[in-house]
């Protein structure tokens, strides 16, 4: 005899699988965006290039950045440091880099006293090594040291929230310095904007070093792929009618019609 599904449990589990209130962190639920992923990976693979991921709010920019490391693993690139920070209106240049590097330390070795003494290793936080007034060159030198053993992708999300113009000017100078010196570290800026110019402003000198990646709203096929992947984790099969209805609802919530999810027999 087929067991009847426990709908209270399904509702709870559906809330754990589908998380519209927070970005995706699981590659298996990520859908589409292959062109944008390819553009970002191409930027990461080439020294001197950096990436700006932009688009409307809620289109999946943060979700894409969350699963980026798994795409890099797919192509055999697993030696990456990927620190990230969320920008806010109170940030300045130093606070941004303190946020993103606060959990990373550098280990240095020095010779002990005497002919047979063992080497002594000391570890120090990168942030502790910063001077009082951090400059783009200070950041460039730190990233150059950190990237000796691991390639780096440094992610700044919600970059458009910065209100201090000098901070964006110094970030542009940092990108240019990293590019000019061929440091094996990629800066990835993520923000809500209609164009890259709205994020970078008038700093045209860095434009040649930036790969500009616009993330549009999801297509019907991509939305339905997310639904199919998520409901499969719940042991459900979604009818074609329900898939069509969900696509309509994702664009116009007021047009929601009856949806049908059929539990698989267990």
Protein backbone atom coordinates (compact mmCIF):
# COMPACT_ATOMS: atom_id res chain seq x y z
CA UNK A 1 0.00 0.00 0.00
CA UNK A 2 1.28 3.47 -0.84
CA UNK A 3 1.92 5.65 2.15
CA UNK A 4 0.20 9.03 2.18
CA UNK A 5 2.63 11.95 2.33
CA UNK A 6 2.87 13.98 5.50
CA UNK A 7 2.04 17.39 4.06
CA UNK A 8 3.16 19.26 7.18
CA UNK A 9 6.59 17.68 6.77
CA UNK A 10 6.61 18.45 3.03
CA UNK A 11 5.75 22.09 3.66
CA UNK A 12 8.58 22.35 6.17
CA UNK A 13 11.08 20.62 3.87
CA UNK A 14 9.98 22.77 0.92
CA UNK A 15 10.90 25.81 2.99
CA UNK A 16 14.37 24.37 3.47
CA UNK A 17 14.84 23.56 -0.23
CA UNK A 18 13.33 26.71 -1.77
CA UNK A 19 14.79 29.79 -0.08
CA UNK A 20 13.55 32.95 -1.84
CA UNK A 21 14.53 34.98 1.23
CA UNK A 22 18.23 34.11 0.92
CA UNK A 23 20.70 33.31 -1.88
CA UNK A 24 21.33 29.76 -3.02
CA UNK A 25 24.38 27.98 -1.63
CA UNK A 26 23.90 24.60 -3.30
CA UNK A 27 25.19 23.93 -6.80
CA UNK A 28 22.59 21.21 -7.35
CA UNK A 29 19.77 23.77 -7.14
CA UNK A 30 21.51 26.33 -9.32
CA UNK A 31 20.10 26.61 -12.83
CA UNK A 32 21.29 28.14 -16.09
CA UNK A 33 23.59 31.16 -16.22
CA UNK A 34 26.23 29.21 -18.16
CA UNK A 35 27.23 32.21 -20.32
CA UNK A 36 27.76 34.41 -17.27
CA UNK A 37 29.69 31.69 -15.42
CA UNK A 38 31.96 31.22 -18.45
CA UNK A 39 32.68 34.96 -18.63
CA UNK A 40 33.62 35.13 -14.96
CA UNK A 41 35.81 32.01 -15.12
CA UNK A 42 37.59 33.42 -18.19
CA UNK A 43 38.34 36.59 -16.22
CA UNK A 44 39.65 34.57 -13.26
CA UNK A 45 41.86 32.44 -15.51
CA UNK A 46 43.74 35.45 -16.92
CA UNK A 47 46.03 37.59 -14.80
CA UNK A 48 45.19 41.26 -15.02
CA UNK A 49 41.45 40.84 -15.50
CA UNK A 50 38.72 41.44 -12.94
CA UNK A 51 34.95 41.04 -13.03
CA UNK A 52 31.90 43.18 -12.41
CA UNK A 53 28.64 41.26 -12.03
CA UNK A 54 25.65 43.56 -12.21
CA UNK A 55 21.91 43.51 -12.78
CA UNK A 56 18.57 44.14 -11.12
CA UNK A 57 17.97 43.21 -7.51
CA UNK A 58 16.91 39.61 -6.97
CA UNK A 59 18.17 38.12 -10.25
CA UNK A 60 20.65 35.76 -8.55
CA UNK A 61 23.97 37.62 -8.48
CA UNK A 62 24.88 36.54 -4.94
CA UNK A 63 23.70 32.98 -5.60
CA UNK A 64 25.99 32.75 -8.62
CA UNK A 65 28.97 33.97 -6.58
CA UNK A 66 28.14 31.46 -3.82
CA UNK A 67 28.46 28.48 -6.15
CA UNK A 68 31.34 29.85 -8.23
CA UNK A 69 33.93 27.78 -6.36
CA UNK A 70 32.10 24.60 -7.39
CA UNK A 71 32.27 25.58 -11.05
CA UNK A 72 36.02 26.15 -10.62
CA UNK A 73 36.31 22.72 -9.01
CA UNK A 74 34.58 21.22 -12.05
CA UNK A 75 37.44 22.36 -14.27
CA UNK A 76 40.07 21.11 -11.83
CA UNK A 77 40.82 24.45 -10.19
CA UNK A 78 40.56 23.79 -6.47
CA UNK A 79 43.42 25.87 -5.09
CA UNK A 80 41.47 29.07 -4.62
CA UNK A 81 41.03 31.46 -1.73
CA UNK A 82 37.65 33.16 -2.10
CA UNK A 83 37.11 35.66 0.73
CA UNK A 84 34.03 37.85 0.45
CA UNK A 85 32.46 40.84 2.13
CA UNK A 86 29.15 42.67 1.93
CA UNK A 87 29.53 46.40 1.46
CA UNK A 88 27.43 48.92 3.36
CA UNK A 89 27.01 52.67 3.45
CA UNK A 90 29.40 53.08 6.40
CA UNK A 91 32.36 51.42 4.68
CA UNK A 92 35.56 53.09 3.63
CA UNK A 93 38.52 51.58 1.79
CA UNK A 94 40.21 50.23 4.92
CA UNK A 95 37.04 48.75 6.44
CA UNK A 96 36.24 46.96 3.17
CA UNK A 97 39.61 45.24 3.02
CA UNK A 98 39.59 44.57 6.75
CA UNK A 99 36.25 42.79 6.33
CA UNK A 100 37.39 40.62 3.47
CA UNK A 101 40.85 39.69 4.82
CA UNK A 102 40.22 39.53 8.58
CA UNK A 103 40.19 35.71 8.68
CA UNK A 104 43.35 35.25 6.58
CA UNK A 105 46.83 35.04 8.08
CA UNK A 106 50.34 34.96 6.66
CA UNK A 107 52.89 32.53 8.07
CA UNK A 108 56.54 33.50 8.02
CA UNK A 109 59.60 31.42 8.93
CA UNK A 110 62.91 32.61 10.33
CA UNK A 111 66.05 30.77 11.41
CA UNK A 112 66.50 29.98 15.08
CA UNK A 113 69.63 30.79 17.10
CA UNK A 114 72.60 28.42 16.70
CA UNK A 115 73.74 26.02 14.00
CA UNK A 116 71.23 23.26 14.82
CA UNK A 117 68.27 25.40 15.78
CA UNK A 118 65.00 24.70 14.00
CA UNK A 119 63.23 27.35 11.97
CA UNK A 120 60.63 29.38 13.85
CA UNK A 121 57.26 30.03 12.21
CA UNK A 122 55.05 32.94 13.14
CA UNK A 123 51.54 33.70 11.92
CA UNK A 124 49.98 37.13 11.67
CA UNK A 125 46.63 38.36 10.40
CA UNK A 126 46.86 40.28 7.14
CA UNK A 127 44.69 43.00 8.67
CA UNK A 128 47.13 43.42 11.57
CA UNK A 129 49.85 44.11 9.03
CA UNK A 130 47.94 47.03 7.49
CA UNK A 131 49.16 50.54 8.29
CA UNK A 132 46.76 53.09 9.77
CA UNK A 133 46.03 54.57 6.35
CA UNK A 134 45.70 51.69 3.90
CA UNK A 135 46.54 52.47 0.27
CA UNK A 136 45.87 50.54 -2.95
CA UNK A 137 49.57 49.63 -3.03
CA UNK A 138 49.32 48.12 0.48
CA UNK A 139 46.46 45.93 -0.73
CA UNK A 140 48.30 44.99 -3.89
CA UNK A 141 51.36 43.86 -1.91
CA UNK A 142 49.22 41.82 0.50
CA UNK A 143 47.34 40.06 -2.29
CA UNK A 144 50.61 39.39 -4.10
CA UNK A 145 51.93 37.57 -1.02
CA UNK A 146 48.69 35.65 -0.45
CA UNK A 147 48.45 34.52 -4.06
CA UNK A 148 51.89 32.88 -4.08
CA UNK A 149 50.37 29.57 -2.93
CA UNK A 150 46.71 29.98 -3.90
CA UNK A 151 44.98 31.93 -6.61
CA UNK A 152 42.50 34.40 -5.15
CA UNK A 153 39.05 35.66 -6.01
CA UNK A 154 38.06 38.51 -3.70
CA UNK A 155 34.31 39.18 -3.78
CA UNK A 156 32.66 42.45 -2.79
CA UNK A 157 28.88 42.08 -2.80
CA UNK A 158 26.42 45.01 -2.81
CA UNK A 159 29.16 47.30 -4.07
CA UNK A 160 26.54 49.83 -5.15
CA UNK A 161 25.75 50.56 -1.49
CA UNK A 162 29.02 52.43 -1.01
CA UNK A 163 28.45 56.15 -0.56
CA UNK A 164 32.03 57.31 -0.08
CA UNK A 165 33.29 58.35 -3.51
CA UNK A 166 36.93 58.19 -2.42
CA UNK A 167 36.42 54.51 -1.57
CA UNK A 168 35.32 53.70 -5.13
CA UNK A 169 38.21 55.77 -6.51
CA UNK A 170 40.70 53.81 -4.37
CA UNK A 171 39.10 50.51 -5.34
CA UNK A 172 39.50 51.45 -9.00
CA UNK A 173 43.15 52.31 -8.32
CA UNK A 174 43.59 48.91 -6.63
CA UNK A 175 42.16 47.08 -9.63
CA UNK A 176 44.46 48.99 -11.96
CA UNK A 177 47.50 48.26 -9.76
CA UNK A 178 46.71 44.53 -9.58
CA UNK A 179 46.27 44.46 -13.34
CA UNK A 180 49.46 46.41 -14.08
CA UNK A 181 51.55 44.14 -11.79
CA UNK A 182 49.98 40.87 -12.99
CA UNK A 183 48.99 39.76 -9.49
CA UNK A 184 47.23 36.38 -9.49
CA UNK A 185 44.19 37.73 -7.67
CA UNK A 186 40.82 38.63 -9.17
CA UNK A 187 38.50 41.23 -7.69
CA UNK A 188 34.83 40.56 -8.32
CA UNK A 189 32.41 43.42 -7.71
CA UNK A 190 28.69 42.67 -7.43
CA UNK A 191 26.00 45.31 -7.47
CA UNK A 192 22.64 46.55 -8.59
CA UNK A 193 23.07 48.82 -11.58
CA UNK A 194 21.86 49.31 -15.13
CA UNK A 195 25.41 49.68 -16.36
CA UNK A 196 28.97 49.20 -15.23
CA UNK A 197 29.41 52.97 -15.30
CA UNK A 198 26.94 53.29 -12.40
CA UNK A 199 29.20 51.05 -10.30
CA UNK A 200 32.60 52.38 -11.26
CA UNK A 201 31.61 55.95 -12.04
CA UNK A 202 34.05 58.04 -14.00
CA UNK A 203 37.12 55.82 -13.53
CA UNK A 204 37.54 54.89 -17.17
CA UNK A 205 41.18 53.93 -16.67
CA UNK A 206 40.16 50.54 -15.24
CA UNK A 207 37.62 49.70 -17.93
CA UNK A 208 40.13 47.69 -19.98
CA UNK A 209 40.84 45.49 -16.93
CA UNK A 210 37.18 44.71 -16.25
CA UNK A 211 35.07 41.90 -17.66
CA UNK A 212 31.55 43.28 -17.54
CA UNK A 213 28.95 40.60 -16.84
CA UNK A 214 25.29 41.56 -16.85
CA UNK A 215 22.94 39.07 -15.19
CA UNK A 216 19.44 39.28 -16.71
CA UNK A 217 16.29 37.90 -15.19
CA UNK A 218 15.93 34.14 -15.48
CA UNK A 219 14.37 32.60 -18.55
CA UNK A 220 11.35 30.33 -18.39
CA UNK A 221 13.53 27.24 -18.85
CA UNK A 222 15.84 28.31 -15.99
CA UNK A 223 12.98 28.98 -13.58
CA UNK A 224 11.40 25.64 -14.39
CA UNK A 225 14.75 23.86 -13.99
CA UNK A 226 15.01 25.21 -10.42
CA UNK A 227 11.49 23.99 -9.67
CA UNK A 228 12.17 20.53 -11.09
CA UNK A 229 15.44 20.16 -9.17
CA UNK A 230 13.93 21.36 -5.92
CA UNK A 231 10.77 19.27 -6.05
CA UNK A 232 12.81 16.19 -6.95
CA UNK A 233 14.63 16.59 -3.62
CA UNK A 234 11.20 16.52 -1.96
CA UNK A 235 10.16 13.35 -3.79
CA UNK A 236 7.63 15.24 -5.90
CA UNK A 237 6.85 15.31 -9.61
CA UNK A 238 5.54 18.61 -11.00
CA UNK A 239 2.97 18.65 -13.78
CA UNK A 240 3.58 20.69 -16.92
CA UNK A 241 0.58 22.83 -16.02
CA UNK A 242 2.13 23.63 -12.65
CA UNK A 243 5.48 24.49 -14.25
CA UNK A 244 3.76 26.91 -16.62
CA UNK A 245 1.82 28.44 -13.74
CA UNK A 246 4.99 28.93 -11.68
CA UNK A 247 6.62 30.75 -14.58
CA UNK A 248 3.64 33.09 -14.78
CA UNK A 249 3.71 33.59 -11.02
CA UNK A 250 7.41 34.41 -11.01
CA UNK A 251 6.63 37.31 -13.36
CA UNK A 252 3.18 38.32 -12.15
CA UNK A 253 2.22 37.05 -8.66
CA UNK A 254 -1.34 38.30 -9.13
CA UNK A 255 -1.84 35.77 -11.93
CA UNK A 256 -1.17 32.72 -9.74
CA UNK A 257 -3.45 29.83 -10.65
CA UNK A 258 -3.86 26.36 -9.19
CA UNK A 259 -0.63 24.37 -8.91
CA UNK A 260 -0.31 20.58 -8.83
CA UNK A 261 2.59 18.69 -7.24
CA UNK A 262 2.19 14.93 -7.24
CA UNK A 263 4.03 12.96 -4.53
CA UNK A 264 5.99 9.99 -5.79
CA UNK A 265 4.84 6.65 -4.43
CA UNK A 266 7.12 5.44 -1.65
